[in-house]
Amino acid sequence: MTMQKLDTDMIRAFQGLEDSRSSVRLRTAMAVGTTPDPRFIDKLIERCAIEPEFHVREMLTWALTRHSASMTVPELLKELRSERAQARSQALHTLSKIGDRQAWPAITRELLSDADDEVARSAWRAAVALVPEGEEPELAAVLSTQLGRGEREMQLSLSRALIALGEVMMPTLRAAMTDLDPRVRTHAIATERLLRDPDAGFEFAIEEAKRVVALGSTSQEE
């Protein structure tokens, strides 16, 4: 294949990623991922920061995972310092999919408590995916500072992240069950209920936790 043909293909792909039609952007991202080329990495990351369609963003992430982690991870880490919330959240999401633990030091307390809900949720998932063995208790302690935050979907995301850490998060969770803030206590109790009975569902766990808090008791059933 000639250099001219390569350049033409690249120009066409770049144009496809910026097309006004989401179906074209989706197909282009799929094509780029099917035939990885390092020259596309910067463009894929740039598009992740502004792409409005969820399914296209997922395909952009997939395309990035198809490239060498040694080339994608350093560029994604730069995005974590972006002022654009979507750039941070999508970079975190992509890092969690790549699973390269060299990214772990970049998952900071600031990101785990980011003011933007989507950034925080992405950071929680990335942290659970990348946390080195032995550092789970410290991560659980940081995550517990977010208990009570947001509405149900947000709280469920945090509960799932804590549960994914396993039993090491229980001391932190038990401490949160006696927090002065009733929202924190309710969320902590609901998370413990969900750990014990995953099939019960989060809505049921939250309602049960509310009753426990209202009664002023966090005692556990034998």
Protein backbone atom coordinates (compact mmCIF):
# COMPACT_ATOMS: atom_id res chain seq x y z
CA MET A 1 0.00 0.00 0.00
CA THR A 2 1.41 3.36 -1.00
CA MET A 3 1.94 6.24 1.40
CA GLN A 4 -0.56 8.26 -0.62
CA LYS A 5 -3.19 5.55 -0.09
CA LEU A 6 -2.42 5.50 3.64
CA ASP A 7 -2.79 9.26 3.87
CA THR A 8 -6.06 9.15 1.95
CA ASP A 9 -7.42 6.48 4.30
CA MET A 10 -6.40 8.52 7.32
CA ILE A 11 -8.03 11.66 6.00
CA ARG A 12 -11.22 9.71 5.29
CA ALA A 13 -11.19 8.21 8.77
CA PHE A 14 -10.58 11.57 10.43
CA GLN A 15 -13.48 13.02 8.49
CA GLY A 16 -15.65 10.04 9.42
CA LEU A 17 -15.01 10.54 13.12
CA GLU A 18 -16.24 14.12 12.79
CA ASP A 19 -19.23 13.38 10.56
CA SER A 20 -22.53 14.90 11.68
CA ARG A 21 -24.17 11.45 11.44
CA SER A 22 -23.62 9.28 14.51
CA SER A 23 -23.94 6.12 12.38
CA VAL A 24 -20.96 7.21 10.29
CA ARG A 25 -18.90 8.06 13.39
CA LEU A 26 -19.77 4.64 14.84
CA ARG A 27 -18.73 2.76 11.69
CA THR A 28 -15.53 4.77 11.42
CA ALA A 29 -14.54 4.08 15.02
CA MET A 30 -15.22 0.38 14.44
CA ALA A 31 -13.05 0.40 11.32
CA VAL A 32 -10.21 2.18 13.14
CA GLY A 33 -10.35 -0.39 15.94
CA THR A 34 -10.45 -3.29 13.50
CA THR A 35 -7.22 -2.12 11.87
CA PRO A 36 -5.28 -0.36 14.65
CA ASP A 37 -2.83 2.34 13.66
CA PRO A 38 -0.96 4.41 16.29
CA ARG A 39 -1.54 7.54 14.24
CA PHE A 40 -5.22 7.39 15.17
CA ILE A 41 -4.70 7.39 18.94
CA ASP A 42 -4.67 11.15 19.46
CA LYS A 43 -7.74 11.61 17.27
CA LEU A 44 -9.67 8.87 19.08
CA ILE A 45 -8.88 10.43 22.46
CA GLU A 46 -9.74 13.90 21.20
CA ARG A 47 -13.10 12.61 19.94
CA CYS A 48 -13.85 10.85 23.24
CA ALA A 49 -13.80 14.23 24.98
CA ILE A 50 -16.57 15.71 22.82
CA GLU A 51 -18.57 12.79 21.35
CA PRO A 52 -22.23 13.27 22.38
CA GLU A 53 -23.50 9.73 21.65
CA PHE A 54 -22.96 7.00 24.25
CA HIS A 55 -22.70 4.13 21.75
CA VAL A 56 -20.13 6.00 19.69
CA ARG A 57 -18.09 6.76 22.81
CA GLU A 58 -18.13 3.06 23.66
CA MET A 59 -16.83 2.24 20.18
CA LEU A 60 -14.12 4.88 20.51
CA THR A 61 -13.07 3.28 23.78
CA TRP A 62 -13.03 -0.15 22.16
CA ALA A 63 -10.90 1.21 19.32
CA LEU A 64 -8.41 2.59 21.84
CA THR A 65 -8.19 -0.76 23.65
CA ARG A 66 -7.17 -2.32 20.36
CA HIS A 67 -4.00 -0.23 20.30
CA SER A 68 -0.87 -0.82 22.36
CA ALA A 69 -1.33 0.17 26.01
CA SER A 70 2.21 1.57 26.03
CA MET A 71 1.03 4.18 23.53
CA THR A 72 -2.54 4.82 24.71
CA VAL A 73 -2.15 4.91 28.50
CA PRO A 74 0.27 7.89 28.69
CA GLU A 75 -2.03 9.93 26.44
CA LEU A 76 -5.13 8.98 28.42
CA LEU A 77 -3.41 9.98 31.66
CA LYS A 78 -2.97 13.48 30.27
CA GLU A 79 -6.74 13.67 29.80
CA LEU A 80 -7.31 13.19 33.53
CA ARG A 81 -6.08 16.74 34.02
CA SER A 82 -8.48 18.17 31.44
CA GLU A 83 -10.93 20.89 32.44
CA ARG A 84 -13.56 19.12 30.34
CA ALA A 85 -15.49 16.65 32.53
CA GLN A 86 -16.27 14.29 29.64
CA ALA A 87 -12.58 14.08 28.76
CA ARG A 88 -11.79 12.99 32.32
CA SER A 89 -14.66 10.53 32.64
CA GLN A 90 -14.08 8.90 29.26
CA ALA A 91 -10.34 8.61 29.86
CA LEU A 92 -11.02 6.91 33.19
CA HIS A 93 -13.54 4.59 31.54
CA THR A 94 -11.03 3.66 28.85
CA LEU A 95 -8.25 3.10 31.37
CA SER A 96 -10.51 0.73 33.30
CA LYS A 97 -11.10 -1.25 30.09
CA ILE A 98 -7.41 -1.38 29.23
CA GLY A 99 -6.61 -2.59 32.75
CA ASP A 100 -2.98 -1.48 32.81
CA ARG A 101 -2.05 -0.91 36.44
CA GLN A 102 0.62 1.65 35.63
CA ALA A 103 -2.36 4.02 35.54
CA TRP A 104 -3.20 3.40 39.21
CA PRO A 105 -1.19 6.32 40.71
CA ALA A 106 -3.19 8.72 38.54
CA ILE A 107 -6.51 7.67 40.15
CA THR A 108 -6.33 10.35 42.79
CA ARG A 109 -8.57 11.22 45.71
CA GLU A 110 -9.53 14.34 43.73
CA LEU A 111 -10.86 12.22 40.87
CA LEU A 112 -12.60 9.82 43.25
CA SER A 113 -14.45 12.78 44.74
CA ASP A 114 -14.75 14.83 41.54
CA ALA A 115 -17.61 17.33 41.59
CA ASP A 116 -18.90 15.90 38.30
CA ASP A 117 -20.93 12.76 38.97
CA GLU A 118 -19.90 10.96 35.78
CA VAL A 119 -16.23 11.61 36.44
CA ALA A 120 -16.55 10.31 40.00
CA ARG A 121 -18.43 7.19 38.90
CA SER A 122 -15.86 6.47 36.21
CA ALA A 123 -13.08 6.98 38.75
CA TRP A 124 -14.71 4.52 41.16
CA ARG A 125 -14.94 1.84 38.48
CA ALA A 126 -11.39 2.49 37.27
CA ALA A 127 -10.01 2.38 40.81
CA VAL A 128 -11.63 -0.97 41.56
CA ALA A 129 -10.29 -2.37 38.28
CA LEU A 130 -6.73 -1.09 38.80
CA VAL A 131 -6.13 -1.15 42.56
CA PRO A 132 -2.96 -3.13 43.41
CA GLU A 133 -3.23 -6.03 45.82
CA GLY A 134 -2.98 -4.82 49.41
CA GLU A 135 -4.24 -1.30 48.74
CA GLU A 136 -7.94 -2.18 48.78
CA PRO A 137 -8.55 -1.07 52.40
CA GLU A 138 -7.15 2.39 51.69
CA LEU A 139 -9.29 2.65 48.56
CA ALA A 140 -12.35 1.58 50.53
CA ALA A 141 -11.67 4.35 53.04
CA VAL A 142 -11.56 6.97 50.27
CA LEU A 143 -14.67 5.59 48.57
CA SER A 144 -16.57 5.62 51.85
CA THR A 145 -16.22 9.41 51.97
CA GLN A 146 -18.67 9.47 49.05
CA LEU A 147 -21.41 7.49 50.80
CA GLY A 148 -24.72 9.32 50.70
CA ARG A 149 -23.80 11.23 47.57
CA GLY A 150 -26.32 11.75 44.77
CA GLU A 151 -29.46 9.89 43.81
CA ARG A 152 -30.11 6.15 43.52
CA GLU A 153 -28.11 5.47 40.36
CA MET A 154 -25.09 7.28 41.76
CA GLN A 155 -25.35 5.49 45.09
CA LEU A 156 -25.74 2.11 43.40
CA SER A 157 -22.51 2.74 41.46
CA LEU A 158 -20.64 3.41 44.68
CA SER A 159 -22.16 0.39 46.41
CA ARG A 160 -21.08 -1.83 43.53
CA ALA A 161 -17.55 -0.43 43.68
CA LEU A 162 -17.30 -1.06 47.41
CA ILE A 163 -18.74 -4.57 47.10
CA ALA A 164 -16.26 -5.35 44.33
CA LEU A 165 -13.45 -4.76 46.84
CA GLY A 166 -14.73 -7.67 48.93
CA GLU A 167 -14.60 -8.17 52.68
CA VAL A 168 -11.70 -5.74 53.13
CA MET A 169 -14.20 -2.88 52.87
CA MET A 170 -16.34 -4.08 55.78
CA PRO A 171 -14.52 -2.27 58.64
CA THR A 172 -14.89 1.03 56.78
CA LEU A 173 -18.51 0.26 55.94
CA ARG A 174 -19.36 -0.63 59.54
CA ALA A 175 -17.87 2.68 60.70
CA ALA A 176 -20.05 4.51 58.18
CA MET A 177 -23.14 2.78 59.59
CA THR A 178 -22.79 4.95 62.67
CA ASP A 179 -22.07 8.21 60.85
CA LEU A 180 -23.90 11.30 62.09
CA ASP A 181 -25.33 11.92 58.60
CA PRO A 182 -28.47 9.78 58.09
CA ARG A 183 -27.86 9.67 54.32
CA VAL A 184 -24.42 8.17 54.90
CA ARG A 185 -25.80 5.66 57.41
CA THR A 186 -28.62 4.66 55.06
CA HIS A 187 -26.28 4.17 52.10
CA ALA A 188 -23.79 2.19 54.17
CA ILE A 189 -26.48 -0.11 55.55
CA ALA A 190 -27.97 -0.59 52.07
CA THR A 191 -24.54 -1.51 50.71
CA GLU A 192 -24.09 -4.11 53.44
CA ARG A 193 -27.54 -5.53 52.69
CA LEU A 194 -26.71 -5.71 48.99
CA LEU A 195 -23.47 -7.52 49.79
CA ARG A 196 -25.33 -10.10 51.86
CA ASP A 197 -28.21 -10.51 49.39
CA PRO A 198 -27.33 -9.34 45.86
CA ASP A 199 -30.61 -10.68 44.49
CA ALA A 200 -32.69 -8.40 46.73
CA GLY A 201 -31.90 -5.37 44.57
CA PHE A 202 -30.69 -1.91 45.56
CA GLU A 203 -34.14 -0.35 45.82
CA PHE A 204 -35.21 -2.92 48.40
CA ALA A 205 -31.87 -2.54 50.24
CA ILE A 206 -32.27 1.24 50.42
CA GLU A 207 -35.86 1.05 51.70
CA GLU A 208 -34.85 -1.51 54.33
CA ALA A 209 -31.89 0.68 55.34
CA LYS A 210 -34.17 3.69 55.69
CA ARG A 211 -36.35 1.75 58.12
CA VAL A 212 -33.30 0.74 60.14
CA VAL A 213 -32.07 4.34 60.33
CA ALA A 214 -35.54 5.58 61.23
CA LEU A 215 -35.63 3.12 64.11
CA GLY A 216 -32.21 4.32 65.23
CA SER A 217 -30.58 0.94 65.01
CA THR A 218 -27.81 -0.56 62.89
CA SER A 219 -27.86 -3.93 64.62
CA GLN A 220 -27.45 -6.87 62.27
CA GLU A 221 -29.65 -9.94 62.15
CA GLU A 222 -28.00 -13.15 63.14
